């Protein structure tokens, strides 16, 4: 019974072990069931032996007085039977000790994986901790780099000098995008800040174009006149004359249109706009 108790004590340990496989647990249960069966058989045999011994002893006691020789013989038989029972008991004890050793081995085998798992978890925890430290360091480095880039960008914006050409190109981009009002504002700002710049005539021309595209022909005529008056020899002057004539035509001022076209043909005979000017003169007759 002590042996069974020991198995029953070990059984929860076996069942609770997170590392034991289902096959190992089933094997342990099989061994325990075999031991229980063996003990049950032995107890049954012992019960039979006791009953038989009692019966034999009773018979011997009854016949003791009648036949001493027979008594001695029966005593020898009983002793022999007792010796056989003792031997059987000793054999059973040996088997139980063997099973006990097997259980100890099994318990040790369960203990080793548990220890290995503990070591693995400890190692994994260390690695995770190291990785977290590295991630924190990398994140700090990234934050420092991002901060530095932001500072440099802000500094660059502060140090950046807005050039006249940059303003002019901004206006031209707005014009190409179809935003006439925005383009005109940029070009007027350019002319206000840099009236003597080499692109001033071009800026006036594009101001006139923005008005012309909005069908504000009178304003366009005035803008083109700025070029004709202030920059008579600039490359944009022939284009300004032609576009001014087109604006006069749009408001049905054919007389002014013919005058401007003739001026264009006479003052800039080699310009590309002359061909178009001559065609318009024929139409206006």
C-alpha atoms as a PDB file:
ATOM      1  CA  UNK A   1       0.000   0.000   0.000  1.00  0.00           C
ATOM      2  CA  UNK A   2       2.902   2.315   0.617  1.00  0.00           C
ATOM      3  CA  UNK A   3       4.005   1.655  -2.937  1.00  0.00           C
ATOM      4  CA  UNK A   4       0.550   2.575  -4.280  1.00  0.00           C
ATOM      5  CA  UNK A   5       0.531   5.713  -2.138  1.00  0.00           C
ATOM      6  CA  UNK A   6       3.858   6.715  -3.593  1.00  0.00           C
ATOM      7  CA  UNK A   7       2.504   6.256  -7.106  1.00  0.00           C
ATOM      8  CA  UNK A   8      -0.571   8.276  -6.284  1.00  0.00           C
ATOM      9  CA  UNK A   9       1.680  11.073  -4.918  1.00  0.00           C
ATOM     10  CA  UNK A  10       3.838  11.017  -8.042  1.00  0.00           C
ATOM     11  CA  UNK A  11       0.865  10.894 -10.411  1.00  0.00           C
ATOM     12  CA  UNK A  12      -0.189  14.587  -9.997  1.00  0.00           C
ATOM     13  CA  UNK A  13       3.465  15.605 -10.535  1.00  0.00           C
ATOM     14  CA  UNK A  14       3.508  13.624 -13.741  1.00  0.00           C
ATOM     15  CA  UNK A  15       0.186  14.989 -14.906  1.00  0.00           C
ATOM     16  CA  UNK A  16       1.038  18.613 -14.064  1.00  0.00           C
ATOM     17  CA  UNK A  17       4.426  18.571 -15.740  1.00  0.00           C
ATOM     18  CA  UNK A  18       4.110  20.882 -18.745  1.00  0.00           C
ATOM     19  CA  UNK A  19       6.911  19.169 -20.548  1.00  0.00           C
ATOM     20  CA  UNK A  20       5.680  15.526 -20.272  1.00  0.00           C
ATOM     21  CA  UNK A  21       4.221  14.192 -23.465  1.00  0.00           C
ATOM     22  CA  UNK A  22       0.859  12.433 -23.592  1.00  0.00           C
ATOM     23  CA  UNK A  23       2.624   9.210 -24.538  1.00  0.00           C
ATOM     24  CA  UNK A  24       4.834   9.348 -21.429  1.00  0.00           C
ATOM     25  CA  UNK A  25       1.852   9.968 -19.201  1.00  0.00           C
ATOM     26  CA  UNK A  26      -0.059   7.072 -20.767  1.00  0.00           C
ATOM     27  CA  UNK A  27       2.947   4.786 -20.227  1.00  0.00           C
ATOM     28  CA  UNK A  28       3.147   5.804 -16.554  1.00  0.00           C
ATOM     29  CA  UNK A  29      -0.547   5.150 -16.100  1.00  0.00           C
ATOM     30  CA  UNK A  30      -0.102   1.711 -17.726  1.00  0.00           C
ATOM     31  CA  UNK A  31       2.721   0.836 -15.324  1.00  0.00           C
ATOM     32  CA  UNK A  32       0.641   1.912 -12.331  1.00  0.00           C
ATOM     33  CA  UNK A  33      -2.369  -0.121 -13.510  1.00  0.00           C
ATOM     34  CA  UNK A  34      -0.109  -3.164 -13.975  1.00  0.00           C
ATOM     35  CA  UNK A  35       1.212  -2.790 -10.414  1.00  0.00           C
ATOM     36  CA  UNK A  36      -2.321  -2.498  -9.042  1.00  0.00           C
ATOM     37  CA  UNK A  37      -3.358  -5.652 -10.914  1.00  0.00           C
ATOM     38  CA  UNK A  38      -0.289  -7.509  -9.668  1.00  0.00           C
ATOM     39  CA  UNK A  39      -0.944  -6.474  -6.050  1.00  0.00           C
ATOM     40  CA  UNK A  40      -4.583  -7.491  -6.339  1.00  0.00           C
ATOM     41  CA  UNK A  41      -3.532 -10.918  -7.600  1.00  0.00           C
ATOM     42  CA  UNK A  42      -0.996 -11.294  -4.797  1.00  0.00           C
ATOM     43  CA  UNK A  43      -3.520 -10.316  -2.160  1.00  0.00           C
ATOM     44  CA  UNK A  44      -5.952 -12.847  -3.588  1.00  0.00           C
ATOM     45  CA  UNK A  45      -3.263 -15.548  -3.542  1.00  0.00           C
ATOM     46  CA  UNK A  46      -2.316 -14.628  -0.004  1.00  0.00           C
ATOM     47  CA  UNK A  47      -5.929 -14.811   1.068  1.00  0.00           C
ATOM     48  CA  UNK A  48      -6.191 -18.277  -0.402  1.00  0.00           C
ATOM     49  CA  UNK A  49      -2.986 -19.332   1.242  1.00  0.00           C
ATOM     50  CA  UNK A  50      -4.147 -18.048   4.603  1.00  0.00           C
ATOM     51  CA  UNK A  51      -7.426 -19.908   4.259  1.00  0.00           C
ATOM     52  CA  UNK A  52      -5.631 -23.044   3.183  1.00  0.00           C
ATOM     53  CA  UNK A  53      -3.112 -22.690   5.990  1.00  0.00           C
ATOM     54  CA  UNK A  54      -5.845 -22.289   8.573  1.00  0.00           C
ATOM     55  CA  UNK A  55      -7.597 -25.359   7.256  1.00  0.00           C
ATOM     56  CA  UNK A  56      -4.372 -27.356   7.225  1.00  0.00           C
ATOM     57  CA  UNK A  57      -3.416 -26.246  10.712  1.00  0.00           C
ATOM     58  CA  UNK A  58      -6.857 -27.131  11.999  1.00  0.00           C
ATOM     59  CA  UNK A  59      -6.577 -30.573  10.511  1.00  0.00           C
ATOM     60  CA  UNK A  60      -3.099 -30.989  11.944  1.00  0.00           C
ATOM     61  CA  UNK A  61      -4.238 -29.950  15.409  1.00  0.00           C
ATOM     62  CA  UNK A  62      -7.103 -32.430  15.289  1.00  0.00           C
ATOM     63  CA  UNK A  63      -4.809 -35.260  14.257  1.00  0.00           C
ATOM     64  CA  UNK A  64      -1.858 -34.180  16.487  1.00  0.00           C
ATOM     65  CA  UNK A  65      -2.692 -36.377  19.398  1.00  0.00           C
ATOM     66  CA  UNK A  66      -3.499 -39.389  17.178  1.00  0.00           C
ATOM     67  CA  UNK A  67      -0.404 -39.521  15.134  1.00  0.00           C
ATOM     68  CA  UNK A  68       2.785 -37.609  16.143  1.00  0.00           C
ATOM     69  CA  UNK A  69       4.678 -38.840  13.100  1.00  0.00           C
ATOM     70  CA  UNK A  70       1.893 -37.615  10.879  1.00  0.00           C
ATOM     71  CA  UNK A  71       1.972 -34.341  12.797  1.00  0.00           C
ATOM     72  CA  UNK A  72       5.678 -33.907  12.102  1.00  0.00           C
ATOM     73  CA  UNK A  73       5.065 -34.613   8.444  1.00  0.00           C
ATOM     74  CA  UNK A  74       2.252 -32.064   8.286  1.00  0.00           C
ATOM     75  CA  UNK A  75       4.411 -29.505  10.130  1.00  0.00           C
ATOM     76  CA  UNK A  76       7.127 -29.992   7.536  1.00  0.00           C
ATOM     77  CA  UNK A  77       4.587 -29.459   4.795  1.00  0.00           C
ATOM     78  CA  UNK A  78       3.314 -26.308   6.448  1.00  0.00           C
ATOM     79  CA  UNK A  79       6.866 -25.009   6.864  1.00  0.00           C
ATOM     80  CA  UNK A  80       7.556 -25.769   3.231  1.00  0.00           C
ATOM     81  CA  UNK A  81       4.354 -23.985   2.210  1.00  0.00           C
ATOM     82  CA  UNK A  82       5.279 -21.061   4.453  1.00  0.00           C
ATOM     83  CA  UNK A  83       8.733 -20.950   2.860  1.00  0.00           C
ATOM     84  CA  UNK A  84       7.166 -20.908  -0.599  1.00  0.00           C
ATOM     85  CA  UNK A  85       4.849 -18.083   0.402  1.00  0.00           C
ATOM     86  CA  UNK A  86       7.780 -16.129   1.844  1.00  0.00           C
ATOM     87  CA  UNK A  87       9.730 -16.640  -1.369  1.00  0.00           C
ATOM     88  CA  UNK A  88       6.767 -15.428  -3.398  1.00  0.00           C
ATOM     89  CA  UNK A  89       6.497 -12.377  -1.166  1.00  0.00           C
ATOM     90  CA  UNK A  90      10.198 -11.622  -1.556  1.00  0.00           C
ATOM     91  CA  UNK A  91       9.881 -12.001  -5.333  1.00  0.00           C
ATOM     92  CA  UNK A  92       6.977  -9.604  -5.343  1.00  0.00           C
ATOM     93  CA  UNK A  93       8.963  -7.114  -3.265  1.00  0.00           C
ATOM     94  CA  UNK A  94      11.756  -7.320  -5.836  1.00  0.00           C
ATOM     95  CA  UNK A  95       9.333  -6.601  -8.648  1.00  0.00           C
ATOM     96  CA  UNK A  96       7.929  -3.670  -6.669  1.00  0.00           C
ATOM     97  CA  UNK A  97      11.411  -2.282  -6.082  1.00  0.00           C
ATOM     98  CA  UNK A  98      12.116  -2.573  -9.803  1.00  0.00           C
ATOM     99  CA  UNK A  99       8.941  -0.679 -10.626  1.00  0.00           C
ATOM    100  CA  UNK A 100       9.825   1.860  -7.946  1.00  0.00           C
ATOM    101  CA  UNK A 101      13.166   2.460  -9.636  1.00  0.00           C
ATOM    102  CA  UNK A 102      11.398   2.789 -12.970  1.00  0.00           C
ATOM    103  CA  UNK A 103       9.088   5.443 -11.539  1.00  0.00           C
ATOM    104  CA  UNK A 104      12.083   7.331 -10.109  1.00  0.00           C
ATOM    105  CA  UNK A 105      13.754   7.240 -13.512  1.00  0.00           C
ATOM    106  CA  UNK A 106      10.584   8.500 -15.141  1.00  0.00           C
ATOM    107  CA  UNK A 107      10.294  11.323 -12.611  1.00  0.00           C
ATOM    108  CA  UNK A 108      13.906  12.306 -13.294  1.00  0.00           C
ATOM    109  CA  UNK A 109      13.248  12.223 -17.038  1.00  0.00           C
ATOM    110  CA  UNK A 110      10.370  14.639 -16.501  1.00  0.00           C
ATOM    111  CA  UNK A 111      12.505  16.887 -14.335  1.00  0.00           C
ATOM    112  CA  UNK A 112      15.240  17.303 -16.961  1.00  0.00           C
ATOM    113  CA  UNK A 113      12.968  18.803 -19.677  1.00  0.00           C
ATOM    114  CA  UNK A 114      11.504  21.141 -17.071  1.00  0.00           C
ATOM    115  CA  UNK A 115      14.996  22.358 -16.177  1.00  0.00           C
ATOM    116  CA  UNK A 116      15.888  22.741 -19.850  1.00  0.00           C
ATOM    117  CA  UNK A 117      12.695  24.703 -20.448  1.00  0.00           C
ATOM    118  CA  UNK A 118      13.516  26.971 -17.513  1.00  0.00           C
ATOM    119  CA  UNK A 119      16.994  27.600 -18.944  1.00  0.00           C
ATOM    120  CA  UNK A 120      15.513  28.248 -22.383  1.00  0.00           C
ATOM    121  CA  UNK A 121      13.022  30.733 -20.980  1.00  0.00           C
ATOM    122  CA  UNK A 122      15.734  32.508 -19.061  1.00  0.00           C
ATOM    123  CA  UNK A 123      17.866  32.721 -22.206  1.00  0.00           C
ATOM    124  CA  UNK A 124      14.877  33.915 -24.272  1.00  0.00           C
ATOM    125  CA  UNK A 125      14.115  36.603 -21.678  1.00  0.00           C
ATOM    126  CA  UNK A 126      17.699  37.824 -21.863  1.00  0.00           C
ATOM    127  CA  UNK A 127      17.568  37.958 -25.656  1.00  0.00           C
ATOM    128  CA  UNK A 128      14.254  39.807 -25.632  1.00  0.00           C
ATOM    129  CA  UNK A 129      15.653  42.297 -23.124  1.00  0.00           C
ATOM    130  CA  UNK A 130      18.729  42.867 -25.319  1.00  0.00           C
ATOM    131  CA  UNK A 131      16.543  43.328 -28.401  1.00  0.00           C
ATOM    132  CA  UNK A 132      14.365  45.838 -26.587  1.00  0.00           C
ATOM    133  CA  UNK A 133      17.464  47.790 -25.602  1.00  0.00           C
ATOM    134  CA  UNK A 134      18.673  47.792 -29.207  1.00  0.00           C
ATOM    135  CA  UNK A 135      15.259  48.921 -30.471  1.00  0.00           C
ATOM    136  CA  UNK A 136      15.198  51.763 -27.947  1.00  0.00           C
ATOM    137  CA  UNK A 137      18.688  52.844 -29.012  1.00  0.00           C
ATOM    138  CA  UNK A 138      17.759  52.678 -32.704  1.00  0.00           C
ATOM    139  CA  UNK A 139      14.559  54.615 -32.065  1.00  0.00           C
ATOM    140  CA  UNK A 140      16.516  57.284 -30.223  1.00  0.00           C
ATOM    141  CA  UNK A 141      18.983  57.493 -33.109  1.00  0.00           C
ATOM    142  CA  UNK A 142      16.108  57.776 -35.571  1.00  0.00           C
ATOM    143  CA  UNK A 143      14.500  60.510 -33.495  1.00  0.00           C
ATOM    144  CA  UNK A 144      17.801  62.384 -33.340  1.00  0.00           C
ATOM    145  CA  UNK A 145      18.236  62.090 -37.123  1.00  0.00           C
ATOM    146  CA  UNK A 146      14.659  63.232 -37.753  1.00  0.00           C
ATOM    147  CA  UNK A 147      15.154  66.176 -35.414  1.00  0.00           C
ATOM    148  CA  UNK A 148      18.417  67.084 -37.144  1.00  0.00           C
ATOM    149  CA  UNK A 149      16.807  66.909 -40.582  1.00  0.00           C
ATOM    150  CA  UNK A 150      13.946  69.109 -39.402  1.00  0.00           C
ATOM    151  CA  UNK A 151      16.376  71.647 -37.961  1.00  0.00           C
ATOM    152  CA  UNK A 152      18.437  71.659 -41.157  1.00  0.00           C
ATOM    153  CA  UNK A 153      15.299  72.051 -43.269  1.00  0.00           C
ATOM    154  CA  UNK A 154      14.105  74.954 -41.159  1.00  0.00           C
ATOM    155  CA  UNK A 155      17.530  76.542 -41.277  1.00  0.00           C
ATOM    156  CA  UNK A 156      17.668  76.060 -45.027  1.00  0.00           C
ATOM    157  CA  UNK A 157      14.331  77.794 -45.397  1.00  0.00           C
ATOM    158  CA  UNK A 158      15.609  80.682 -43.281  1.00  0.00           C
ATOM    159  CA  UNK A 159      18.828  80.917 -45.275  1.00  0.00           C
ATOM    160  CA  UNK A 160      17.115  80.436 -48.618  1.00  0.00           C
ATOM    161  CA  UNK A 161      17.139  83.617 -50.698  1.00  0.00           C
ATOM    162  CA  UNK A 162      14.132  84.069 -52.946  1.00  0.00           C
ATOM    163  CA  UNK A 163      15.659  85.112 -56.251  1.00  0.00           C
ATOM    164  CA  UNK A 164      13.912  87.193 -58.931  1.00  0.00           C
ATOM    165  CA  UNK A 165      14.104  84.267 -61.316  1.00  0.00           C
ATOM    166  CA  UNK A 166      12.348  82.038 -58.764  1.00  0.00           C
ATOM    167  CA  UNK A 167       9.480  84.524 -58.437  1.00  0.00           C
ATOM    168  CA  UNK A 168       9.205  84.844 -62.226  1.00  0.00           C
ATOM    169  CA  UNK A 169       9.091  81.058 -62.704  1.00  0.00           C
ATOM    170  CA  UNK A 170       6.437  80.749 -60.011  1.00  0.00           C
ATOM    171  CA  UNK A 171       4.231  83.166 -61.951  1.00  0.00           C
ATOM    172  CA  UNK A 172       4.871  81.329 -65.196  1.00  0.00           C
ATOM    173  CA  UNK A 173       3.960  77.999 -63.579  1.00  0.00           C
ATOM    174  CA  UNK A 174       0.672  79.456 -62.346  1.00  0.00           C
ATOM    175  CA  UNK A 175      -0.061  80.768 -65.844  1.00  0.00           C
ATOM    176  CA  UNK A 176       0.604  77.356 -67.439  1.00  0.00           C
ATOM    177  CA  UNK A 177      -1.660  75.787 -64.818  1.00  0.00           C
ATOM    178  CA  UNK A 178      -4.478  78.092 -65.968  1.00  0.00           C
ATOM    179  CA  UNK A 179      -4.607  80.171 -62.785  1.00  0.00           C
ATOM    180  CA  UNK A 180      -4.606  83.632 -64.349  1.00  0.00           C
ATOM    181  CA  UNK A 181      -5.267  85.623 -61.179  1.00  0.00           C
ATOM    182  CA  UNK A 182      -2.471  83.927 -59.217  1.00  0.00           C
ATOM    183  CA  UNK A 183      -0.038  84.314 -62.118  1.00  0.00           C
ATOM    184  CA  UNK A 184      -0.860  88.018 -62.469  1.00  0.00           C
ATOM    185  CA  UNK A 185      -0.323  88.636 -58.750  1.00  0.00           C
ATOM    186  CA  UNK A 186       3.107  86.995 -58.906  1.00  0.00           C
ATOM    187  CA  UNK A 187       4.206  88.940 -61.992  1.00  0.00           C
ATOM    188  CA  UNK A 188       3.009  92.251 -60.538  1.00  0.00           C
ATOM    189  CA  UNK A 189       4.928  91.469 -57.337  1.00  0.00           C
ATOM    190  CA  UNK A 190       7.986  90.745 -59.469  1.00  0.00           C
ATOM    191  CA  UNK A 191       7.665  94.094 -61.305  1.00  0.00           C
ATOM    192  CA  UNK A 192       7.195  95.935 -58.025  1.00  0.00           C
ATOM    193  CA  UNK A 193      10.365  94.440 -56.499  1.00  0.00           C
ATOM    194  CA  UNK A 194      12.549  94.262 -59.631  1.00  0.00           C
ATOM    195  CA  UNK A 195      11.377  96.933 -62.120  1.00  0.00           C
ATOM    196  CA  UNK A 196      14.800  97.059 -63.825  1.00  0.00           C
ATOM    197  CA  UNK A 197      15.269  93.301 -64.126  1.00  0.00           C
ATOM    198  CA  UNK A 198      15.953  91.895 -67.611  1.00  0.00           C
ATOM    199  CA  UNK A 199      12.764  89.824 -67.351  1.00  0.00           C
ATOM    200  CA  UNK A 200      10.588  92.852 -66.558  1.00  0.00           C
ATOM    201  CA  UNK A 201       9.322  93.139 -70.161  1.00  0.00           C
ATOM    202  CA  UNK A 202       8.397  89.450 -70.117  1.00  0.00           C
ATOM    203  CA  UNK A 203       6.562  89.937 -66.812  1.00  0.00           C
ATOM    204  CA  UNK A 204       4.474  92.772 -68.327  1.00  0.00           C
ATOM    205  CA  UNK A 205       3.714  90.587 -71.315  1.00  0.00           C
ATOM    206  CA  UNK A 206       2.388  87.774 -69.132  1.00  0.00           C
ATOM    207  CA  UNK A 207       0.319  90.244 -67.114  1.00  0.00           C
ATOM    208  CA  UNK A 208      -1.265  91.315 -70.431  1.00  0.00           C
ATOM    209  CA  UNK A 209      -1.820  87.659 -71.368  1.00  0.00           C
ATOM    210  CA  UNK A 210      -3.644  86.969 -68.081  1.00  0.00           C
ATOM    211  CA  UNK A 211      -6.041  89.854 -68.792  1.00  0.00           C
ATOM    212  CA  UNK A 212      -6.472  88.743 -72.408  1.00  0.00           C
ATOM    213  CA  UNK A 213      -7.339  85.177 -71.339  1.00  0.00           C
ATOM    214  CA  UNK A 214      -9.929  86.613 -68.951  1.00  0.00           C
ATOM    215  CA  UNK A 215     -11.282  88.748 -71.844  1.00  0.00           C
ATOM    216  CA  UNK A 216     -10.363  91.917 -69.961  1.00  0.00           C
ATOM    217  CA  UNK A 217      -9.142  93.407 -73.237  1.00  0.00           C
ATOM    218  CA  UNK A 218      -8.786  97.026 -72.092  1.00  0.00           C
ATOM    219  CA  UNK A 219      -6.536  95.979 -69.191  1.00  0.00           C
ATOM    220  CA  UNK A 220      -4.586  93.751 -71.555  1.00  0.00           C
ATOM    221  CA  UNK A 221      -4.044  96.671 -73.967  1.00  0.00           C
ATOM    222  CA  UNK A 222      -2.622  98.787 -71.134  1.00  0.00           C
ATOM    223  CA  UNK A 223      -0.300  95.990 -69.946  1.00  0.00           C
ATOM    224  CA  UNK A 224       1.059  95.448 -73.478  1.00  0.00           C
ATOM    225  CA  UNK A 225       1.527  99.213 -73.837  1.00  0.00           C
ATOM    226  CA  UNK A 226       3.929  99.148 -70.886  1.00  0.00           C
ATOM    227  CA  UNK A 227       6.256  96.933 -72.921  1.00  0.00           C
ATOM    228  CA  UNK A 228       5.878  98.992 -76.100  1.00  0.00           C
ATOM    229  CA  UNK A 229       6.660 102.197 -74.239  1.00  0.00           C
ATOM    230  CA  UNK A 230       9.357 101.069 -71.780  1.00  0.00           C
ATOM    231  CA  UNK A 231      11.079  98.293 -73.719  1.00  0.00           C
ATOM    232  CA  UNK A 232      10.718  99.046 -77.466  1.00  0.00           C
ATOM    233  CA  UNK A 233      13.700  96.866 -78.404  1.00  0.00           C
ATOM    234  CA  UNK A 234      13.033  93.839 -76.212  1.00  0.00           C
ATOM    235  CA  UNK A 235      12.264  90.443 -77.748  1.00  0.00           C
ATOM    236  CA  UNK A 236       8.765  90.470 -76.318  1.00  0.00           C
ATOM    237  CA  UNK A 237       7.857  93.822 -77.930  1.00  0.00           C
ATOM    238  CA  UNK A 238       6.704  92.378 -81.330  1.00  0.00           C
ATOM    239  CA  UNK A 239       4.567  89.821 -79.487  1.00  0.00           C
ATOM    240  CA  UNK A 240       3.129  92.590 -77.302  1.00  0.00           C
ATOM    241  CA  UNK A 241       2.227  94.681 -80.411  1.00  0.00           C
ATOM    242  CA  UNK A 242       0.511  91.742 -82.067  1.00  0.00           C
ATOM    243  CA  UNK A 243      -1.437  90.809 -78.963  1.00  0.00           C
ATOM    244  CA  UNK A 244      -2.416  94.443 -78.386  1.00  0.00           C
ATOM    245  CA  UNK A 245      -3.778  94.614 -81.918  1.00  0.00           C
ATOM    246  CA  UNK A 246      -5.764  91.435 -81.267  1.00  0.00           C
ATOM    247  CA  UNK A 247      -7.199  92.998 -78.131  1.00  0.00           C
ATOM    248  CA  UNK A 248      -8.269  96.128 -80.096  1.00  0.00           C
ATOM    249  CA  UNK A 249      -9.900  93.871 -82.673  1.00  0.00           C
ATOM    250  CA  UNK A 250     -11.741  91.983 -79.885  1.00  0.00           C
ATOM    251  CA  UNK A 251     -13.367  95.241 -78.728  1.00  0.00           C
ATOM    252  CA  UNK A 252     -14.128  96.222 -82.396  1.00  0.00           C
ATOM    253  CA  UNK A 253     -11.571  99.043 -82.460  1.00  0.00           C
ATOM    254  CA  UNK A 254     -10.309  98.147 -85.946  1.00  0.00           C
ATOM    255  CA  UNK A 255      -8.677 101.524 -86.481  1.00  0.00           C
ATOM    256  CA  UNK A 256      -6.403 101.111 -83.475  1.00  0.00           C
ATOM    257  CA  UNK A 257      -5.776  97.496 -84.443  1.00  0.00           C
ATOM    258  CA  UNK A 258      -4.593  98.492 -87.984  1.00  0.00           C
ATOM    259  CA  UNK A 259      -2.378 101.207 -86.533  1.00  0.00           C
ATOM    260  CA  UNK A 260      -0.648  98.800 -84.112  1.00  0.00           C
ATOM    261  CA  UNK A 261      -0.202  96.137 -86.818  1.00  0.00           C
ATOM    262  CA  UNK A 262       1.407  98.616 -89.225  1.00  0.00           C
ATOM    263  CA  UNK A 263       3.709  99.778 -86.454  1.00  0.00           C
ATOM    264  CA  UNK A 264       4.711  96.161 -85.857  1.00  0.00           C
ATOM    265  CA  UNK A 265       5.498  95.541 -89.544  1.00  0.00           C
ATOM    266  CA  UNK A 266       7.515  98.751 -89.821  1.00  0.00           C
ATOM    267  CA  UNK A 267       9.483  98.586 -86.542  1.00  0.00           C
ATOM    268  CA  UNK A 268      10.108  94.844 -86.442  1.00  0.00           C
ATOM    269  CA  UNK A 269      10.091  93.637 -90.055  1.00  0.00           C
ATOM    270  CA  UNK A 270      12.180  90.543 -89.292  1.00  0.00           C
ATOM    271  CA  UNK A 271      10.183  89.283 -86.348  1.00  0.00           C
ATOM    272  CA  UNK A 272       8.115  86.127 -86.467  1.00  0.00           C
ATOM    273  CA  UNK A 273       4.975  88.103 -85.624  1.00  0.00           C
ATOM    274  CA  UNK A 274       5.106  90.113 -88.920  1.00  0.00           C
ATOM    275  CA  UNK A 275       3.528  87.309 -90.993  1.00  0.00           C
ATOM    276  CA  UNK A 276       0.538  87.117 -88.639  1.00  0.00           C
ATOM    277  CA  UNK A 277       0.319  90.936 -88.577  1.00  0.00           C
ATOM    278  CA  UNK A 278       0.085  91.129 -92.397  1.00  0.00           C
ATOM    279  CA  UNK A 279      -2.663  88.500 -92.479  1.00  0.00           C
ATOM    280  CA  UNK A 280      -4.647  90.476 -89.920  1.00  0.00           C
ATOM    281  CA  UNK A 281      -4.195  93.704 -91.920  1.00  0.00           C
ATOM    282  CA  UNK A 282      -5.781  92.021 -94.929  1.00  0.00           C
ATOM    283  CA  UNK A 283      -8.706  90.884 -92.835  1.00  0.00           C
ATOM    284  CA  UNK A 284      -9.268  94.349 -91.383  1.00  0.00           C
ATOM    285  CA  UNK A 285      -9.524  96.155 -94.780  1.00  0.00           C
END
